N, C-alpha and C. Protein backbone atom coordinates (compact mmCIF):
# COMPACT_ATOMS: atom_id res chain seq x y z
N MET A 1 34.41 59.95 124.29
CA MET A 1 34.92 58.72 123.95
C MET A 1 35.70 58.12 124.43
N GLU A 2 36.38 59.16 125.22
CA GLU A 2 37.48 58.90 126.58
C GLU A 2 36.64 58.43 127.36
N ASP A 3 35.77 58.41 127.91
CA ASP A 3 35.43 57.75 128.40
C ASP A 3 34.63 56.57 128.62
N LEU A 4 34.29 56.09 126.95
CA LEU A 4 34.20 54.78 127.02
C LEU A 4 35.49 54.34 126.65
N GLN A 5 36.36 55.03 126.05
CA GLN A 5 37.76 53.89 126.42
C GLN A 5 38.18 53.50 127.79
N ASN A 6 38.16 54.34 128.42
CA ASN A 6 38.45 54.96 129.63
C ASN A 6 37.60 53.53 130.83
N LEU A 7 36.26 53.46 130.12
CA LEU A 7 35.34 52.17 130.84
C LEU A 7 35.58 51.24 130.02
N SER A 8 35.83 50.89 129.09
CA SER A 8 36.65 50.15 128.15
C SER A 8 37.80 48.87 128.52
N GLU A 9 38.81 49.98 128.95
CA GLU A 9 40.07 49.69 129.83
C GLU A 9 39.50 49.39 131.35
N LYS A 10 39.08 49.85 131.86
CA LYS A 10 38.55 49.84 133.38
C LYS A 10 37.99 48.34 133.12
N ILE A 11 37.00 47.98 132.52
CA ILE A 11 36.38 46.49 132.24
C ILE A 11 37.47 45.59 131.94
N LEU A 12 38.26 45.63 131.09
CA LEU A 12 39.58 45.46 130.63
C LEU A 12 40.51 45.34 131.85
N THR A 13 40.60 46.07 132.26
CA THR A 13 41.68 46.20 133.65
C THR A 13 41.04 44.88 134.49
N GLN A 14 39.72 45.02 134.99
CA GLN A 14 38.59 44.37 136.45
C GLN A 14 38.70 43.01 135.53
N THR A 15 38.74 42.77 134.20
CA THR A 15 38.41 41.31 133.34
C THR A 15 39.98 40.61 133.79
N LYS A 16 40.75 40.89 133.67
CA LYS A 16 42.01 40.94 133.58
C LYS A 16 42.48 40.36 135.10
N GLU A 17 42.28 41.39 136.38
CA GLU A 17 42.23 40.94 137.66
C GLU A 17 41.34 40.02 137.85
N LYS A 18 40.14 39.86 137.84
CA LYS A 18 39.45 38.79 138.05
C LYS A 18 40.38 37.31 137.29
N GLY A 19 40.32 37.81 136.08
CA GLY A 19 41.23 36.28 135.19
C GLY A 19 42.46 36.03 135.98
N GLN A 20 43.08 36.94 136.42
CA GLN A 20 44.02 36.63 137.21
C GLN A 20 44.37 35.99 138.33
N ILE A 21 43.56 36.52 139.01
CA ILE A 21 43.15 36.24 140.55
C ILE A 21 42.35 34.44 140.21
N LYS A 22 41.65 34.32 139.48
CA LYS A 22 40.95 33.15 138.80
C LYS A 22 42.32 31.84 138.78
N LEU A 23 43.21 32.63 137.81
CA LEU A 23 44.07 31.77 137.13
C LEU A 23 44.86 31.30 138.51
N GLU A 24 45.24 32.29 139.33
CA GLU A 24 46.50 31.96 140.38
C GLU A 24 45.63 31.14 141.84
N GLU A 25 44.05 31.43 141.87
CA GLU A 25 43.42 30.25 142.32
C GLU A 25 43.33 29.15 142.00
N ALA A 26 43.27 28.89 140.59
CA ALA A 26 43.31 27.35 139.61
C ALA A 26 44.97 27.15 140.47
N GLU A 27 45.76 27.77 140.18
CA GLU A 27 47.30 27.32 140.28
C GLU A 27 47.26 26.87 141.23
N LYS A 28 47.20 27.56 142.47
CA LYS A 28 47.04 26.99 143.94
C LYS A 28 46.53 25.87 143.92
N ASN A 29 44.75 25.57 143.42
CA ASN A 29 44.41 24.41 143.45
C ASN A 29 45.36 23.68 142.62
N SER A 30 45.78 23.58 141.63
CA SER A 30 46.44 22.59 141.25
C SER A 30 47.86 22.24 142.09
N VAL A 31 48.65 23.30 142.46
CA VAL A 31 50.01 23.22 143.12
C VAL A 31 48.82 21.89 144.60
N ALA A 32 48.13 22.72 144.94
CA ALA A 32 47.55 21.82 145.89
C ALA A 32 46.96 20.47 145.78
N LYS A 33 46.37 20.03 145.10
CA LYS A 33 46.08 18.73 143.93
C LYS A 33 47.08 17.87 143.87
N ILE A 34 48.28 18.66 143.20
CA ILE A 34 49.79 17.84 142.64
C ILE A 34 50.45 17.43 144.53
N GLU A 35 50.61 18.33 145.32
CA GLU A 35 50.77 18.49 146.37
C GLU A 35 50.46 16.93 147.02
N GLU A 36 49.09 17.03 147.00
CA GLU A 36 48.01 15.85 147.54
C GLU A 36 48.50 14.96 146.81
N SER A 37 48.48 14.30 145.72
CA SER A 37 48.82 13.12 145.02
C SER A 37 49.89 12.95 145.41
N ARG A 38 51.18 13.86 145.18
CA ARG A 38 52.57 13.16 145.82
C ARG A 38 52.18 12.45 146.98
N LEU A 39 51.97 13.03 148.03
CA LEU A 39 51.87 12.88 149.43
C LEU A 39 51.49 11.30 149.34
N LYS A 40 50.04 11.23 148.61
CA LYS A 40 49.27 9.84 149.15
C LYS A 40 50.48 8.97 148.13
N LEU A 41 50.85 9.19 146.86
CA LEU A 41 51.86 8.61 146.37
C LEU A 41 52.95 8.44 146.89
N VAL A 42 53.76 9.19 148.07
CA VAL A 42 54.46 9.07 148.85
C VAL A 42 54.15 7.91 149.87
N GLU A 43 53.48 8.27 150.84
CA GLU A 43 52.76 6.85 151.41
C GLU A 43 52.30 6.19 151.01
N GLN A 44 51.58 5.64 149.81
CA GLN A 44 51.55 4.69 149.36
C GLN A 44 53.16 3.93 149.01
N GLN A 45 54.13 4.19 148.56
CA GLN A 45 55.19 3.68 148.25
C GLN A 45 55.80 3.08 149.82
N LYS A 46 55.81 4.06 150.60
CA LYS A 46 55.96 3.50 152.10
C LYS A 46 55.20 2.85 152.30
N ASN A 47 54.38 2.52 152.32
CA ASN A 47 53.39 1.58 152.92
C ASN A 47 53.50 0.15 152.14
N ARG A 48 53.88 0.12 150.50
CA ARG A 48 54.38 -0.85 149.73
C ARG A 48 56.08 -1.28 149.97
N LYS A 49 56.46 -0.68 150.53
CA LYS A 49 57.97 -0.94 151.33
C LYS A 49 57.57 -1.65 152.29
N GLN A 50 56.99 -1.05 153.38
CA GLN A 50 56.91 -2.06 154.94
C GLN A 50 56.08 -3.64 154.51
N THR A 51 55.18 -3.07 153.52
CA THR A 51 54.59 -4.12 153.09
C THR A 51 55.66 -5.51 152.54
N ILE A 52 56.66 -5.10 151.90
CA ILE A 52 57.64 -5.92 151.20
C ILE A 52 58.79 -6.28 152.13
N LEU A 53 58.95 -5.28 153.06
CA LEU A 53 59.75 -5.41 153.70
C LEU A 53 59.27 -6.97 155.17
N LYS A 54 57.80 -6.51 155.71
CA LYS A 54 57.65 -7.33 156.25
C LYS A 54 57.24 -8.77 155.87
N LYS A 55 57.24 -8.88 154.44
CA LYS A 55 56.83 -10.30 153.80
C LYS A 55 58.13 -10.97 154.20
N SER A 56 59.70 -9.96 153.44
CA SER A 56 60.75 -10.55 153.45
C SER A 56 61.07 -11.14 154.91
N ALA A 57 60.82 -10.19 156.29
CA ALA A 57 61.31 -10.55 157.29
C ALA A 57 60.36 -11.69 157.69
N ASP A 58 59.17 -12.12 157.14
CA ASP A 58 58.55 -13.30 157.75
C ASP A 58 58.67 -14.53 157.00
N ASP A 59 59.30 -14.56 155.46
CA ASP A 59 59.70 -14.93 154.70
C ASP A 59 61.57 -15.67 155.25
N PHE A 60 61.89 -14.72 155.84
CA PHE A 60 63.09 -15.12 156.46
C PHE A 60 63.13 -15.73 157.40
N ASP A 61 62.11 -15.17 158.55
CA ASP A 61 62.03 -16.40 159.73
C ASP A 61 61.31 -17.74 159.52
N ARG A 62 60.72 -17.74 158.37
CA ARG A 62 59.89 -18.76 158.31
C ARG A 62 60.76 -20.06 157.73
N GLU A 63 62.07 -19.47 156.66
CA GLU A 63 63.10 -20.49 156.14
C GLU A 63 63.92 -20.81 157.62
N ARG A 64 64.19 -19.59 158.12
CA ARG A 64 65.41 -20.03 158.99
C ARG A 64 64.79 -21.29 160.38
N GLN A 65 63.28 -21.07 160.62
CA GLN A 65 62.82 -21.75 161.24
C GLN A 65 62.94 -23.30 160.88
N THR A 66 62.85 -23.29 159.23
CA THR A 66 62.73 -24.17 158.70
C THR A 66 64.40 -24.97 158.85
N LEU A 67 65.08 -24.25 158.78
CA LEU A 67 66.55 -24.60 158.86
C LEU A 67 66.79 -25.16 159.84
N LYS A 68 66.37 -24.51 161.09
CA LYS A 68 66.60 -25.04 162.33
C LYS A 68 65.90 -26.07 162.64
N ASN A 69 64.68 -26.80 162.20
CA ASN A 69 63.93 -27.75 162.73
C ASN A 69 64.67 -29.18 162.02
N LYS A 70 65.57 -28.77 160.46
CA LYS A 70 66.25 -29.59 159.72
C LYS A 70 67.40 -29.99 160.45
N GLU A 71 68.02 -28.72 161.09
CA GLU A 71 69.31 -28.98 161.99
C GLU A 71 68.97 -29.89 163.06
N ARG A 72 67.88 -29.65 163.83
CA ARG A 72 67.67 -30.12 165.06
C ARG A 72 67.15 -31.79 164.27
N ASN A 73 66.60 -31.74 163.81
CA ASN A 73 66.29 -33.36 163.59
C ASN A 73 67.46 -33.87 163.10
N ALA A 74 68.18 -33.46 162.09
CA ALA A 74 69.27 -34.07 161.46
C ALA A 74 70.50 -34.61 163.20
N VAL A 75 70.83 -33.43 163.98
CA VAL A 75 71.21 -33.87 165.06
C VAL A 75 70.67 -34.84 165.88
N LEU A 76 69.30 -34.96 166.40
CA LEU A 76 68.38 -35.98 166.94
C LEU A 76 68.56 -37.01 166.23
N SER A 77 68.60 -37.62 164.27
CA SER A 77 68.55 -38.38 163.95
C SER A 77 70.16 -39.42 164.46
N GLU A 78 71.53 -38.34 164.23
CA GLU A 78 72.91 -38.85 164.84
C GLU A 78 72.40 -38.99 166.44
N LYS A 79 72.34 -38.47 166.75
CA LYS A 79 72.67 -38.94 168.18
C LYS A 79 71.83 -40.70 168.30
N GLN A 80 70.51 -40.53 167.56
CA GLN A 80 70.07 -42.15 167.74
C GLN A 80 70.59 -42.68 167.37
N VAL A 81 71.47 -42.72 165.93
CA VAL A 81 72.44 -43.74 165.45
C VAL A 81 73.19 -43.98 166.45
N ILE A 82 74.00 -43.08 167.09
CA ILE A 82 75.00 -43.43 168.13
C ILE A 82 74.39 -44.18 169.41
N LEU A 83 73.46 -43.93 169.82
CA LEU A 83 72.80 -44.47 171.31
C LEU A 83 72.47 -45.64 170.57
N ASN A 84 71.95 -46.07 169.67
CA ASN A 84 71.77 -47.57 169.17
C ASN A 84 73.02 -48.14 168.97
N ALA A 85 74.10 -47.47 168.27
CA ALA A 85 75.41 -48.31 168.09
C ALA A 85 75.94 -48.90 169.55
N ILE A 86 75.55 -47.78 170.35
CA ILE A 86 76.19 -47.75 171.74
C ILE A 86 75.29 -49.36 172.58
N PHE A 87 74.04 -49.67 172.44
CA PHE A 87 73.37 -50.15 172.96
C PHE A 87 73.55 -51.51 172.03
N SER A 88 74.20 -51.34 170.73
CA SER A 88 74.18 -52.68 170.01
C SER A 88 75.77 -53.17 170.50
N GLU A 89 76.51 -52.41 170.21
CA GLU A 89 77.96 -52.85 171.11
C GLU A 89 77.68 -53.47 172.27
N ALA A 90 76.72 -53.12 172.88
CA ALA A 90 76.65 -53.81 174.79
C ALA A 90 76.15 -55.07 174.73
N ALA A 91 75.54 -54.89 173.69
CA ALA A 91 74.49 -56.30 173.27
C ALA A 91 75.77 -57.51 172.94
N GLU A 92 76.52 -56.71 172.21
CA GLU A 92 77.79 -57.76 171.34
C GLU A 92 78.90 -58.04 172.70
N LYS A 93 79.00 -57.32 173.48
CA LYS A 93 80.13 -57.62 174.36
C LYS A 93 79.59 -58.60 175.52
N MET A 94 78.31 -58.26 175.69
CA MET A 94 77.95 -59.24 176.79
C MET A 94 77.97 -60.46 175.83
N LYS A 95 77.12 -60.64 174.23
CA LYS A 95 77.41 -62.38 173.70
C LYS A 95 79.02 -62.87 173.64
N GLN A 96 80.00 -62.00 174.12
CA GLN A 96 81.18 -62.30 173.88
C GLN A 96 81.70 -62.90 175.15
N TRP A 97 81.02 -62.69 176.00
CA TRP A 97 81.62 -63.04 177.33
C TRP A 97 82.23 -64.13 177.53
N ASP A 98 83.17 -63.98 178.41
CA ASP A 98 83.61 -65.41 178.82
C ASP A 98 83.37 -66.37 179.65
N MET A 99 84.06 -67.42 179.95
CA MET A 99 83.01 -68.15 180.85
C MET A 99 83.01 -67.71 182.42
N ASP A 100 83.94 -67.30 182.65
CA ASP A 100 84.37 -66.78 183.90
C ASP A 100 82.62 -65.31 183.97
N GLN A 101 82.48 -64.10 183.27
CA GLN A 101 81.66 -63.57 183.20
C GLN A 101 80.00 -63.77 182.84
N PHE A 102 80.16 -64.50 182.40
CA PHE A 102 78.99 -65.27 182.27
C PHE A 102 78.72 -66.09 183.33
N ASN A 103 78.97 -66.96 184.03
CA ASN A 103 78.87 -67.91 185.03
C ASN A 103 78.83 -67.19 186.01
N LYS A 104 79.13 -65.34 186.51
CA LYS A 104 78.95 -64.66 187.19
C LYS A 104 77.71 -64.15 187.37
N PHE A 105 77.07 -63.92 185.86
CA PHE A 105 76.07 -63.22 185.94
C PHE A 105 75.28 -64.20 185.89
N LEU A 106 75.11 -65.53 185.24
CA LEU A 106 73.98 -66.83 185.71
C LEU A 106 73.92 -66.80 187.07
N ASP A 107 74.68 -67.24 188.11
CA ASP A 107 75.10 -67.03 189.35
C ASP A 107 74.17 -65.89 190.03
N ASP A 108 74.63 -64.72 189.76
CA ASP A 108 73.86 -63.79 190.15
C ASP A 108 72.47 -63.67 190.43
N VAL A 109 71.97 -64.01 189.35
CA VAL A 109 70.51 -64.21 188.76
C VAL A 109 69.91 -65.21 189.29
N LEU A 110 70.52 -66.58 189.42
CA LEU A 110 70.32 -67.81 190.20
C LEU A 110 69.63 -66.88 191.59
N SER A 111 70.99 -66.91 192.28
CA SER A 111 70.52 -67.01 193.68
C SER A 111 69.56 -66.00 194.02
N GLN A 112 69.50 -65.32 193.18
CA GLN A 112 68.33 -63.99 193.47
C GLN A 112 67.01 -64.99 193.36
N LEU A 113 66.56 -66.30 193.18
CA LEU A 113 65.35 -66.94 193.37
C LEU A 113 64.69 -67.09 194.44
N ASP A 114 63.84 -67.42 194.45
CA ASP A 114 62.72 -67.68 195.84
C ASP A 114 63.14 -69.72 195.36
N ALA A 115 63.73 -69.79 196.55
CA ALA A 115 64.16 -71.35 196.68
C ALA A 115 63.03 -72.37 197.03
N SER A 116 61.88 -71.20 197.32
CA SER A 116 60.52 -72.23 197.95
C SER A 116 60.14 -72.79 196.40
N LYS A 117 60.42 -72.04 195.27
CA LYS A 117 59.54 -72.44 193.80
C LYS A 117 60.36 -72.84 193.21
N GLU A 118 59.85 -74.02 192.12
CA GLU A 118 60.25 -74.50 191.02
C GLU A 118 60.87 -74.05 189.71
N HIS A 119 62.36 -73.74 189.45
CA HIS A 119 62.44 -72.90 188.66
C HIS A 119 63.44 -73.91 187.14
N SER A 120 63.05 -73.73 186.29
CA SER A 120 63.48 -73.99 185.22
C SER A 120 64.71 -72.70 184.07
N VAL A 121 65.98 -73.30 183.70
CA VAL A 121 66.40 -72.52 182.82
C VAL A 121 66.37 -72.92 181.80
N VAL A 122 66.19 -72.08 180.79
CA VAL A 122 66.25 -72.47 179.34
C VAL A 122 67.25 -71.77 178.53
N PRO A 123 68.23 -71.98 178.17
CA PRO A 123 69.49 -71.55 177.94
C PRO A 123 69.01 -71.05 175.99
N GLY A 124 69.76 -69.79 176.23
CA GLY A 124 69.51 -69.12 174.11
C GLY A 124 71.13 -70.49 173.44
N ASP A 125 70.46 -70.37 172.44
CA ASP A 125 71.20 -71.67 171.35
C ASP A 125 72.76 -70.99 171.60
N LYS A 126 72.47 -70.05 171.62
CA LYS A 126 73.69 -68.90 171.28
C LYS A 126 75.25 -69.23 172.84
N SER A 127 74.05 -69.37 173.67
CA SER A 127 75.00 -69.76 174.91
C SER A 127 74.76 -71.18 175.46
N LEU A 128 74.51 -71.94 174.44
CA LEU A 128 74.47 -73.56 174.80
C LEU A 128 75.57 -73.95 175.85
N SER A 129 76.91 -73.06 175.29
CA SER A 129 78.24 -74.18 176.03
C SER A 129 78.15 -73.95 177.19
N HIS A 130 77.81 -73.08 177.73
CA HIS A 130 77.31 -72.57 179.51
C HIS A 130 76.71 -73.40 179.92
N PHE A 131 76.18 -74.39 179.11
CA PHE A 131 75.31 -75.27 180.06
C PHE A 131 75.44 -76.64 179.71
N GLN A 132 76.27 -77.00 179.47
CA GLN A 132 76.99 -78.22 178.82
C GLN A 132 78.09 -78.78 179.87
N GLY A 133 78.87 -80.04 179.66
CA GLY A 133 79.73 -80.20 180.17
C GLY A 133 80.05 -79.98 181.73
N GLU A 134 81.30 -79.72 181.92
CA GLU A 134 81.55 -79.10 182.95
C GLU A 134 80.80 -77.84 183.71
N GLN A 135 80.29 -77.50 182.83
CA GLN A 135 79.43 -76.19 183.39
C GLN A 135 78.35 -76.56 183.96
N LEU A 136 77.41 -77.54 182.99
CA LEU A 136 76.08 -78.16 183.46
C LEU A 136 76.47 -78.79 185.07
N LYS A 137 77.76 -79.56 185.48
CA LYS A 137 78.01 -79.98 186.18
C LYS A 137 77.74 -79.10 187.81
N ARG A 138 78.97 -77.98 187.19
CA ARG A 138 78.61 -76.86 188.10
C ARG A 138 77.68 -76.23 188.68
N LEU A 139 76.77 -76.09 187.84
CA LEU A 139 75.06 -75.29 187.96
C LEU A 139 74.61 -76.47 188.73
N ASN A 140 74.72 -77.55 188.20
CA ASN A 140 73.59 -78.30 189.16
C ASN A 140 74.53 -78.76 190.51
N LYS A 141 75.62 -78.35 190.94
CA LYS A 141 76.04 -78.56 192.10
C LYS A 141 75.68 -77.18 193.39
N LYS A 142 75.98 -76.36 192.72
CA LYS A 142 75.46 -75.19 193.32
C LYS A 142 74.11 -74.45 193.38
N PHE A 143 73.08 -75.23 192.30
CA PHE A 143 71.97 -74.97 192.50
C PHE A 143 71.19 -76.21 191.73
N PRO A 144 70.97 -77.09 193.16
CA PRO A 144 70.69 -78.42 192.30
C PRO A 144 69.24 -78.45 192.67
N ASP A 145 68.23 -77.57 193.12
CA ASP A 145 66.72 -77.23 192.67
C ASP A 145 66.15 -77.55 191.30
N ILE A 146 67.08 -76.16 190.55
CA ILE A 146 66.91 -75.16 189.57
C ILE A 146 67.25 -76.27 188.06
N GLN A 147 66.03 -76.53 187.29
CA GLN A 147 66.36 -77.21 186.07
C GLN A 147 66.98 -76.82 185.03
N ILE A 148 67.82 -77.35 183.96
CA ILE A 148 68.55 -76.96 183.23
C ILE A 148 67.59 -77.51 181.75
N SER A 149 66.61 -76.91 181.53
CA SER A 149 66.08 -77.22 179.85
C SER A 149 66.74 -77.89 178.60
N LYS A 150 66.13 -78.97 178.38
CA LYS A 150 67.16 -79.12 176.92
C LYS A 150 66.31 -78.11 175.83
N GLU A 151 65.54 -77.52 176.13
CA GLU A 151 65.16 -76.65 174.90
C GLU A 151 65.96 -75.53 174.77
N THR A 152 66.25 -75.07 173.72
CA THR A 152 66.80 -74.00 173.85
C THR A 152 65.87 -72.42 173.21
N ILE A 153 66.02 -71.69 173.07
CA ILE A 153 65.82 -70.25 172.28
C ILE A 153 66.58 -69.70 171.34
N PRO A 154 65.83 -70.38 170.41
CA PRO A 154 66.59 -69.99 168.96
C PRO A 154 67.32 -68.68 168.76
N ASN A 155 68.67 -68.57 168.03
CA ASN A 155 68.88 -67.04 167.81
C ASN A 155 69.19 -66.24 168.96
N GLN A 156 69.63 -66.41 169.86
CA GLN A 156 69.89 -65.89 171.31
C GLN A 156 70.88 -66.26 172.09
N SER A 157 71.23 -65.34 172.67
CA SER A 157 72.07 -65.66 173.55
C SER A 157 71.57 -64.65 175.34
N GLY A 158 72.54 -66.18 176.14
CA GLY A 158 71.36 -65.59 177.55
C GLY A 158 70.32 -66.78 177.60
N PHE A 159 69.76 -66.47 179.06
CA PHE A 159 68.54 -67.53 178.80
C PHE A 159 67.14 -66.98 179.45
N ILE A 160 66.40 -67.75 179.54
CA ILE A 160 65.00 -67.41 180.17
C ILE A 160 65.25 -68.39 181.31
N ILE A 161 64.36 -67.59 182.57
CA ILE A 161 63.85 -68.39 183.77
C ILE A 161 63.05 -68.63 183.95
N GLU A 162 61.86 -70.10 183.92
CA GLU A 162 60.87 -70.26 184.10
C GLU A 162 60.44 -70.66 185.45
N GLU A 163 58.90 -69.45 185.83
CA GLU A 163 58.79 -69.85 187.18
C GLU A 163 57.38 -69.71 187.49
N GLY A 164 56.83 -71.05 187.53
CA GLY A 164 55.31 -71.01 187.64
C GLY A 164 54.84 -70.41 186.60
N GLY A 165 55.15 -71.00 185.40
CA GLY A 165 54.26 -70.61 183.92
C GLY A 165 54.64 -68.76 183.71
N VAL A 166 55.40 -68.18 184.73
CA VAL A 166 55.88 -66.75 183.89
C VAL A 166 57.52 -67.35 184.28
N ASP A 167 57.68 -65.86 182.89
CA ASP A 167 58.85 -66.29 181.71
C ASP A 167 59.55 -65.10 182.42
N TYR A 168 60.87 -64.81 182.65
CA TYR A 168 61.81 -63.69 183.51
C TYR A 168 62.89 -64.24 181.73
N ASN A 169 62.51 -62.86 181.38
CA ASN A 169 63.64 -63.26 180.12
C ASN A 169 65.36 -61.93 180.47
N TYR A 170 65.93 -63.28 180.34
CA TYR A 170 66.95 -62.76 180.53
C TYR A 170 68.32 -62.72 179.16
N CYS A 171 67.91 -62.80 178.04
CA CYS A 171 68.63 -62.82 176.92
C CYS A 171 68.89 -61.23 176.50
N PHE A 172 69.89 -61.75 176.46
CA PHE A 172 71.43 -59.92 176.25
C PHE A 172 70.27 -59.04 175.52
N ASP A 173 69.70 -59.46 174.18
CA ASP A 173 69.39 -58.75 173.11
C ASP A 173 67.92 -58.04 174.01
N ALA A 174 67.43 -58.59 175.12
CA ALA A 174 66.09 -58.12 175.70
C ALA A 174 66.52 -57.68 177.02
N LEU A 175 67.23 -57.83 177.18
CA LEU A 175 68.07 -56.91 178.49
C LEU A 175 68.42 -55.89 178.02
N ILE A 176 69.07 -55.66 177.02
CA ILE A 176 69.36 -54.25 176.47
C ILE A 176 68.41 -53.72 176.20
N ALA A 177 67.26 -54.10 175.23
CA ALA A 177 66.00 -53.58 174.94
C ALA A 177 65.55 -52.64 176.04
N GLU A 178 65.25 -53.62 177.18
CA GLU A 178 64.99 -53.01 178.47
C GLU A 178 65.79 -51.93 178.90
N VAL A 179 66.51 -51.89 179.13
CA VAL A 179 67.48 -51.21 179.59
C VAL A 179 67.45 -49.45 178.80
N LYS A 180 67.62 -50.11 177.04
CA LYS A 180 67.06 -49.13 176.29
C LYS A 180 66.25 -47.87 176.45
N MET A 181 65.18 -48.88 176.89
CA MET A 181 63.76 -47.92 176.72
C MET A 181 64.00 -47.39 178.13
N GLU A 182 64.50 -47.81 179.08
CA GLU A 182 64.40 -46.90 180.73
C GLU A 182 65.28 -45.73 180.78
N TYR A 183 66.79 -45.92 180.18
CA TYR A 183 67.71 -45.07 180.15
C TYR A 183 67.69 -44.32 178.88
N ALA A 184 67.49 -44.80 177.89
CA ALA A 184 67.93 -43.84 176.24
C ALA A 184 68.16 -42.62 176.43
N ALA A 185 66.88 -42.17 177.31
CA ALA A 185 66.49 -40.39 177.24
C ALA A 185 67.61 -39.79 178.21
N LYS A 186 67.82 -40.47 179.45
CA LYS A 186 68.33 -40.00 180.07
C LYS A 186 70.03 -40.21 179.95
N LEU A 187 70.45 -41.32 179.42
CA LEU A 187 71.62 -41.08 178.71
C LEU A 187 71.92 -40.06 177.26
N ALA A 188 71.21 -39.97 176.79
CA ALA A 188 71.10 -39.07 175.52
C ALA A 188 71.32 -37.79 175.89
N SER A 189 70.52 -37.45 176.79
CA SER A 189 70.94 -35.68 178.02
C SER A 189 72.31 -35.81 177.93
N LEU A 190 72.90 -37.25 179.20
CA LEU A 190 73.90 -36.57 179.42
C LEU A 190 75.26 -36.51 178.69
N ALA A 191 74.88 -37.55 177.41
CA ALA A 191 76.09 -37.74 176.77
C ALA A 191 76.19 -36.55 175.75
N PHE A 192 74.98 -35.59 175.50
CA PHE A 192 75.12 -34.72 174.37
C PHE A 192 74.72 -33.13 174.97
N ARG A 193 75.02 -33.08 176.34
CA ARG A 193 74.33 -31.85 177.25
C ARG A 193 75.46 -30.79 175.97
N GLU A 194 76.56 -31.31 176.00
CA GLU A 194 77.74 -29.99 175.98
C GLU A 194 77.52 -29.91 174.94
N ALA A 195 77.12 -30.38 173.57
CA ALA A 195 76.95 -30.22 172.03
C ALA A 195 75.98 -29.15 171.61
N GLU A 196 75.01 -29.24 172.81
CA GLU A 196 73.93 -28.13 172.44
C GLU A 196 74.03 -26.67 173.02
């Protein structure tokens, strides 16, 4: 009986030992799986955080670029307003020339014409006083071969020179517009270089 009890105890001990080994193995596996899951979770959180940070950085860069574009457009618009004002002011100053300033300009233009060709001057109706009375006598004396037209150009200061079917526009608005087209970009870069 004692043998039977020893045998029972031995079997029971072996079973406990095997059970304990299996339990420890199961615990190790569980701990390993838990650790693996924890590491995966940490990695997922890290990736999610990086994704959020990247999206935030991209959104910030996009918004910053949008603001820069708006600022640049506002500055360009303001520069355009300033340049337009400068050119408008120049045209107004020309329209307000006194008799001497207007005559000097007119004489400079007329003296450059080819005397072998026929020319006619068509005054702008806002400059008509420069082509009447004493001024007309002065022009006829100084440039006897040039005809002064009785027609006028409505709502214009300055004049047009007709030469063999070709018109040369010396109306002040047209002259300023031509200068503006030719020099606006250069003037803008010179005028606003320090501001940028």
